[in-house]
PDB file of N, CA and C in Angstrom:
ATOM      1  N   UNK A   1      20.961 -20.106  14.937  1.00  0.00           N
ATOM      2  CA  UNK A   1      20.779 -18.709  15.298  1.00  0.00           C
ATOM      3  C   UNK A   1      20.087 -17.990  14.151  1.00  0.00           C
ATOM      4  N   UNK A   2      19.176 -17.107  14.480  1.00  0.00           N
ATOM      5  CA  UNK A   2      18.517 -16.336  13.426  1.00  0.00           C
ATOM      6  C   UNK A   2      19.514 -15.411  12.740  1.00  0.00           C
ATOM      7  N   UNK A   3      19.264 -15.142  11.503  1.00  0.00           N
ATOM      8  CA  UNK A   3      20.140 -14.259  10.739  1.00  0.00           C
ATOM      9  C   UNK A   3      19.284 -13.119  10.183  1.00  0.00           C
ATOM     10  N   UNK A   4      19.559 -11.913  10.612  1.00  0.00           N
ATOM     11  CA  UNK A   4      18.839 -10.738  10.109  1.00  0.00           C
ATOM     12  C   UNK A   4      19.560 -10.252   8.866  1.00  0.00           C
ATOM     13  N   UNK A   5      18.926 -10.420   7.737  1.00  0.00           N
ATOM     14  CA  UNK A   5      19.567 -10.107   6.467  1.00  0.00           C
ATOM     15  C   UNK A   5      19.183  -8.723   5.983  1.00  0.00           C
ATOM     16  N   UNK A   6      17.905  -8.395   6.056  1.00  0.00           N
ATOM     17  CA  UNK A   6      17.413  -7.135   5.523  1.00  0.00           C
ATOM     18  C   UNK A   6      16.492  -6.476   6.540  1.00  0.00           C
ATOM     19  N   UNK A   7      16.601  -5.183   6.658  1.00  0.00           N
ATOM     20  CA  UNK A   7      15.718  -4.400   7.513  1.00  0.00           C
ATOM     21  C   UNK A   7      14.886  -3.485   6.621  1.00  0.00           C
ATOM     22  N   UNK A   8      13.602  -3.404   6.898  1.00  0.00           N
ATOM     23  CA  UNK A   8      12.721  -2.542   6.108  1.00  0.00           C
ATOM     24  C   UNK A   8      12.021  -1.535   7.022  1.00  0.00           C
ATOM     25  N   UNK A   9      12.699  -0.459   7.404  1.00  0.00           N
ATOM     26  CA  UNK A   9      12.048   0.565   8.215  1.00  0.00           C
ATOM     27  C   UNK A   9      10.916   1.227   7.414  1.00  0.00           C
ATOM     28  N   UNK A  10       9.870   1.621   8.076  1.00  0.00           N
ATOM     29  CA  UNK A  10       8.758   2.254   7.388  1.00  0.00           C
ATOM     30  C   UNK A  10       8.313   3.502   8.133  1.00  0.00           C
ATOM     31  N   UNK A  11       7.521   4.317   7.471  1.00  0.00           N
ATOM     32  CA  UNK A  11       6.976   5.572   8.025  1.00  0.00           C
ATOM     33  C   UNK A  11       8.055   6.490   8.594  1.00  0.00           C
ATOM     34  N   UNK A  12       9.186   6.565   7.933  1.00  0.00           N
ATOM     35  CA  UNK A  12      10.233   7.487   8.368  1.00  0.00           C
ATOM     36  C   UNK A  12      11.017   7.027   9.585  1.00  0.00           C
ATOM     37  N   UNK A  13      10.966   5.727   9.898  1.00  0.00           N
ATOM     38  CA  UNK A  13      11.665   5.220  11.086  1.00  0.00           C
ATOM     39  C   UNK A  13      13.164   5.481  11.012  1.00  0.00           C
ATOM     40  N   UNK A  14      13.755   5.306   9.854  1.00  0.00           N
ATOM     41  CA  UNK A  14      15.210   5.521   9.719  1.00  0.00           C
ATOM     42  C   UNK A  14      15.593   6.946  10.085  1.00  0.00           C
ATOM     43  N   UNK A  15      14.815   7.904   9.617  1.00  0.00           N
ATOM     44  CA  UNK A  15      15.110   9.310   9.911  1.00  0.00           C
ATOM     45  C   UNK A  15      14.948   9.590  11.407  1.00  0.00           C
ATOM     46  N   UNK A  16      13.935   9.011  12.017  1.00  0.00           N
ATOM     47  CA  UNK A  16      13.721   9.232  13.457  1.00  0.00           C
ATOM     48  C   UNK A  16      14.838   8.611  14.277  1.00  0.00           C
ATOM     49  N   UNK A  17      15.249   7.412  13.892  1.00  0.00           N
ATOM     50  CA  UNK A  17      16.336   6.738  14.606  1.00  0.00           C
ATOM     51  C   UNK A  17      17.603   7.584  14.536  1.00  0.00           C
ATOM     52  N   UNK A  18      17.918   8.092  13.352  1.00  0.00           N
ATOM     53  CA  UNK A  18      19.093   8.948  13.194  1.00  0.00           C
ATOM     54  C   UNK A  18      18.945  10.235  14.002  1.00  0.00           C
ATOM     55  N   UNK A  19      17.801  10.892  13.866  1.00  0.00           N
ATOM     56  CA  UNK A  19      17.581  12.178  14.533  1.00  0.00           C
ATOM     57  C   UNK A  19      17.666  12.054  16.053  1.00  0.00           C
ATOM     58  N   UNK A  20      17.140  10.950  16.588  1.00  0.00           N
ATOM     59  CA  UNK A  20      17.116  10.763  18.039  1.00  0.00           C
ATOM     60  C   UNK A  20      18.366  10.063  18.577  1.00  0.00           C
ATOM     61  N   UNK A  21      19.274   9.707  17.692  1.00  0.00           N
ATOM     62  CA  UNK A  21      20.514   9.057  18.121  1.00  0.00           C
ATOM     63  C   UNK A  21      20.291   7.650  18.663  1.00  0.00           C
ATOM     64  N   UNK A  22      19.330   6.940  18.119  1.00  0.00           N
ATOM     65  CA  UNK A  22      18.969   5.624  18.628  1.00  0.00           C
ATOM     66  C   UNK A  22      19.647   4.459  17.897  1.00  0.00           C
ATOM     67  N   UNK A  23      20.527   4.747  16.958  1.00  0.00           N
ATOM     68  CA  UNK A  23      21.142   3.666  16.190  1.00  0.00           C
ATOM     69  C   UNK A  23      21.872   2.647  17.063  1.00  0.00           C
ATOM     70  N   UNK A  24      22.609   3.087  18.114  1.00  0.00           N
ATOM     71  CA  UNK A  24      23.255   2.085  18.975  1.00  0.00           C
ATOM     72  C   UNK A  24      22.231   1.142  19.629  1.00  0.00           C
ATOM     73  N   UNK A  25      21.076   1.649  20.002  1.00  0.00           N
ATOM     74  CA  UNK A  25      20.036   0.819  20.593  1.00  0.00           C
ATOM     75  C   UNK A  25      19.471  -0.166  19.565  1.00  0.00           C
ATOM     76  N   UNK A  26      19.227   0.305  18.359  1.00  0.00           N
ATOM     77  CA  UNK A  26      18.729  -0.558  17.284  1.00  0.00           C
ATOM     78  C   UNK A  26      19.753  -1.648  16.981  1.00  0.00           C
ATOM     79  N   UNK A  27      21.028  -1.282  16.944  1.00  0.00           N
ATOM     80  CA  UNK A  27      22.084  -2.269  16.700  1.00  0.00           C
ATOM     81  C   UNK A  27      22.118  -3.325  17.807  1.00  0.00           C
ATOM     82  N   UNK A  28      21.907  -2.889  19.044  1.00  0.00           N
ATOM     83  CA  UNK A  28      21.898  -3.829  20.169  1.00  0.00           C
ATOM     84  C   UNK A  28      20.728  -4.801  20.063  1.00  0.00           C
ATOM     85  N   UNK A  29      19.575  -4.314  19.643  1.00  0.00           N
ATOM     86  CA  UNK A  29      18.413  -5.188  19.462  1.00  0.00           C
ATOM     87  C   UNK A  29      18.695  -6.204  18.366  1.00  0.00           C
ATOM     88  N   UNK A  30      19.271  -5.765  17.258  1.00  0.00           N
ATOM     89  CA  UNK A  30      19.617  -6.681  16.175  1.00  0.00           C
ATOM     90  C   UNK A  30      20.595  -7.738  16.680  1.00  0.00           C
ATOM     91  N   UNK A  31      21.568  -7.332  17.489  1.00  0.00           N
ATOM     92  CA  UNK A  31      22.549  -8.264  18.019  1.00  0.00           C
ATOM     93  C   UNK A  31      21.890  -9.284  18.952  1.00  0.00           C
ATOM     94  N   UNK A  32      20.991  -8.819  19.819  1.00  0.00           N
ATOM     95  CA  UNK A  32      20.296  -9.730  20.725  1.00  0.00           C
ATOM     96  C   UNK A  32      19.490 -10.771  19.958  1.00  0.00           C
ATOM     97  N   UNK A  33      18.793 -10.332  18.937  1.00  0.00           N
ATOM     98  CA  UNK A  33      17.989 -11.265  18.146  1.00  0.00           C
ATOM     99  C   UNK A  33      18.903 -12.218  17.374  1.00  0.00           C
ATOM    100  N   UNK A  34      19.977 -11.704  16.809  1.00  0.00           N
ATOM    101  CA  UNK A  34      20.900 -12.547  16.039  1.00  0.00           C
ATOM    102  C   UNK A  34      21.614 -13.564  16.913  1.00  0.00           C
ATOM    103  N   UNK A  35      21.856 -13.224  18.168  1.00  0.00           N
ATOM    104  CA  UNK A  35      22.569 -14.124  19.071  1.00  0.00           C
ATOM    105  C   UNK A  35      21.645 -15.084  19.807  1.00  0.00           C
ATOM    106  N   UNK A  36      20.346 -14.942  19.607  1.00  0.00           N
ATOM    107  CA  UNK A  36      19.414 -15.831  20.295  1.00  0.00           C
ATOM    108  C   UNK A  36      19.346 -17.173  19.587  1.00  0.00           C
ATOM    109  N   UNK A  37      18.979 -18.158  20.318  1.00  0.00           N
ATOM    110  CA  UNK A  37      18.829 -19.499  19.766  1.00  0.00           C
ATOM    111  C   UNK A  37      17.379 -19.671  19.353  1.00  0.00           C
ATOM    112  N   UNK A  38      17.148 -19.971  18.119  1.00  0.00           N
ATOM    113  CA  UNK A  38      15.789 -20.127  17.605  1.00  0.00           C
ATOM    114  C   UNK A  38      15.609 -21.587  17.208  1.00  0.00           C
ATOM    115  N   UNK A  39      14.854 -22.303  18.028  1.00  0.00           N
ATOM    116  CA  UNK A  39      14.630 -23.718  17.779  1.00  0.00           C
ATOM    117  C   UNK A  39      13.346 -23.904  16.986  1.00  0.00           C
ATOM    118  N   UNK A  40      13.375 -24.812  16.053  1.00  0.00           N
ATOM    119  CA  UNK A  40      12.193 -25.133  15.266  1.00  0.00           C
ATOM    120  C   UNK A  40      11.730 -26.516  15.701  1.00  0.00           C
ATOM    121  N   UNK A  41      10.494 -26.590  16.142  1.00  0.00           N
ATOM    122  CA  UNK A  41       9.940 -27.837  16.648  1.00  0.00           C
ATOM    123  C   UNK A  41       9.015 -28.476  15.623  1.00  0.00           C
ATOM    124  N   UNK A  42       8.930 -29.790  15.683  1.00  0.00           N
ATOM    125  CA  UNK A  42       8.082 -30.513  14.752  1.00  0.00           C
ATOM    126  C   UNK A  42       6.610 -30.484  15.173  1.00  0.00           C
ATOM    127  N   UNK A  43       6.319 -30.184  16.422  1.00  0.00           N
ATOM    128  CA  UNK A  43       4.943 -30.194  16.921  1.00  0.00           C
ATOM    129  C   UNK A  43       4.114 -29.084  16.279  1.00  0.00           C
ATOM    130  N   UNK A  44       2.861 -29.382  16.025  1.00  0.00           N
ATOM    131  CA  UNK A  44       1.948 -28.413  15.415  1.00  0.00           C
ATOM    132  C   UNK A  44       1.813 -27.178  16.303  1.00  0.00           C
ATOM    133  N   UNK A  45       1.781 -26.016  15.699  1.00  0.00           N
ATOM    134  CA  UNK A  45       1.602 -24.716  16.354  1.00  0.00           C
ATOM    135  C   UNK A  45       2.745 -24.312  17.286  1.00  0.00           C
ATOM    136  N   UNK A  46       3.858 -25.032  17.253  1.00  0.00           N
ATOM    137  CA  UNK A  46       4.964 -24.671  18.143  1.00  0.00           C
ATOM    138  C   UNK A  46       5.920 -23.666  17.510  1.00  0.00           C
ATOM    139  N   UNK A  47       5.754 -23.375  16.225  1.00  0.00           N
ATOM    140  CA  UNK A  47       6.637 -22.437  15.541  1.00  0.00           C
ATOM    141  C   UNK A  47       5.909 -21.159  15.149  1.00  0.00           C
ATOM    142  N   UNK A  48       4.782 -20.910  15.760  1.00  0.00           N
ATOM    143  CA  UNK A  48       4.016 -19.709  15.451  1.00  0.00           C
ATOM    144  C   UNK A  48       4.654 -18.473  16.044  1.00  0.00           C
ATOM    145  N   UNK A  49       4.070 -17.353  15.737  1.00  0.00           N
ATOM    146  CA  UNK A  49       4.596 -16.072  16.212  1.00  0.00           C
ATOM    147  C   UNK A  49       4.714 -15.994  17.722  1.00  0.00           C
ATOM    148  N   UNK A  50       3.734 -16.551  18.440  1.00  0.00           N
ATOM    149  CA  UNK A  50       3.765 -16.490  19.905  1.00  0.00           C
ATOM    150  C   UNK A  50       4.949 -17.264  20.464  1.00  0.00           C
ATOM    151  N   UNK A  51       5.224 -18.430  19.905  1.00  0.00           N
ATOM    152  CA  UNK A  51       6.351 -19.241  20.384  1.00  0.00           C
ATOM    153  C   UNK A  51       7.681 -18.552  20.098  1.00  0.00           C
ATOM    154  N   UNK A  52       7.791 -17.997  18.912  1.00  0.00           N
ATOM    155  CA  UNK A  52       9.027 -17.294  18.551  1.00  0.00           C
ATOM    156  C   UNK A  52       9.200 -16.056  19.417  1.00  0.00           C
ATOM    157  N   UNK A  53       8.115 -15.351  19.672  1.00  0.00           N
ATOM    158  CA  UNK A  53       8.179 -14.162  20.531  1.00  0.00           C
ATOM    159  C   UNK A  53       8.677 -14.521  21.930  1.00  0.00           C
ATOM    160  N   UNK A  54       8.227 -15.665  22.472  1.00  0.00           N
ATOM    161  CA  UNK A  54       8.685 -16.090  23.797  1.00  0.00           C
ATOM    162  C   UNK A  54      10.191 -16.340  23.799  1.00  0.00           C
ATOM    163  N   UNK A  55      10.695 -16.943  22.716  1.00  0.00           N
ATOM    164  CA  UNK A  55      12.137 -17.192  22.621  1.00  0.00           C
ATOM    165  C   UNK A  55      12.920 -15.881  22.579  1.00  0.00           C
ATOM    166  N   UNK A  56      12.422 -14.933  21.805  1.00  0.00           N
ATOM    167  CA  UNK A  56      13.106 -13.635  21.704  1.00  0.00           C
ATOM    168  C   UNK A  56      13.007 -12.882  23.030  1.00  0.00           C
ATOM    169  N   UNK A  57      11.835 -12.914  23.668  1.00  0.00           N
ATOM    170  CA  UNK A  57      11.669 -12.256  24.974  1.00  0.00           C
ATOM    171  C   UNK A  57      12.632 -12.819  26.004  1.00  0.00           C
ATOM    172  N   UNK A  58      12.885 -14.118  25.950  1.00  0.00           N
ATOM    173  CA  UNK A  58      13.826 -14.731  26.890  1.00  0.00           C
ATOM    174  C   UNK A  58      15.227 -14.147  26.714  1.00  0.00           C
ATOM    175  N   UNK A  59      15.620 -13.870  25.469  1.00  0.00           N
ATOM    176  CA  UNK A  59      16.925 -13.257  25.227  1.00  0.00           C
ATOM    177  C   UNK A  59      16.998 -11.854  25.822  1.00  0.00           C
ATOM    178  N   UNK A  60      15.922 -11.100  25.698  1.00  0.00           N
ATOM    179  CA  UNK A  60      15.908  -9.749  26.255  1.00  0.00           C
ATOM    180  C   UNK A  60      15.954  -9.799  27.782  1.00  0.00           C
ATOM    181  N   UNK A  61      15.297 -10.779  28.379  1.00  0.00           N
ATOM    182  CA  UNK A  61      15.333 -10.919  29.844  1.00  0.00           C
ATOM    183  C   UNK A  61      16.745 -11.251  30.324  1.00  0.00           C
ATOM    184  N   UNK A  62      17.453 -12.112  29.568  1.00  0.00           N
ATOM    185  CA  UNK A  62      18.841 -12.434  29.927  1.00  0.00           C
ATOM    186  C   UNK A  62      19.724 -11.196  29.860  1.00  0.00           C
ATOM    187  N   UNK A  63      19.455 -10.326  28.903  1.00  0.00           N
ATOM    188  CA  UNK A  63      20.277  -9.132  28.712  1.00  0.00           C
ATOM    189  C   UNK A  63      19.827  -7.971  29.571  1.00  0.00           C
ATOM    190  N   UNK A  64      18.828  -8.174  30.402  1.00  0.00           N
ATOM    191  CA  UNK A  64      18.274  -7.077  31.205  1.00  0.00           C
ATOM    192  C   UNK A  64      19.333  -6.367  32.033  1.00  0.00           C
ATOM    193  N   UNK A  65      20.342  -7.080  32.478  1.00  0.00           N
ATOM    194  CA  UNK A  65      21.391  -6.455  33.277  1.00  0.00           C
ATOM    195  C   UNK A  65      22.239  -5.471  32.510  1.00  0.00           C
ATOM    196  N   UNK A  66      22.220  -5.559  31.175  1.00  0.00           N
ATOM    197  CA  UNK A  66      23.019  -4.669  30.351  1.00  0.00           C
ATOM    198  C   UNK A  66      22.289  -3.390  29.992  1.00  0.00           C
ATOM    199  N   UNK A  67      20.998  -3.300  30.249  1.00  0.00           N
ATOM    200  CA  UNK A  67      20.202  -2.138  29.837  1.00  0.00           C
ATOM    201  C   UNK A  67      20.181  -1.143  30.927  1.00  0.00           C
TER     202      UNK A  67
END
């Protein structure tokens, strides 16, 4: 499972998240990513950004009923 250790918000994102009350949503996204299964394959080009994005997108699709 991926482990989110550090978050680096930029361009005032932290202030906007607080002001708009979006912290619960941000926490849910972190939880979805942390609970996803991230497999690393030995095949060339299988661990690129596109492949990882597909794995993360699959987690969001599974959680669609909760949104």
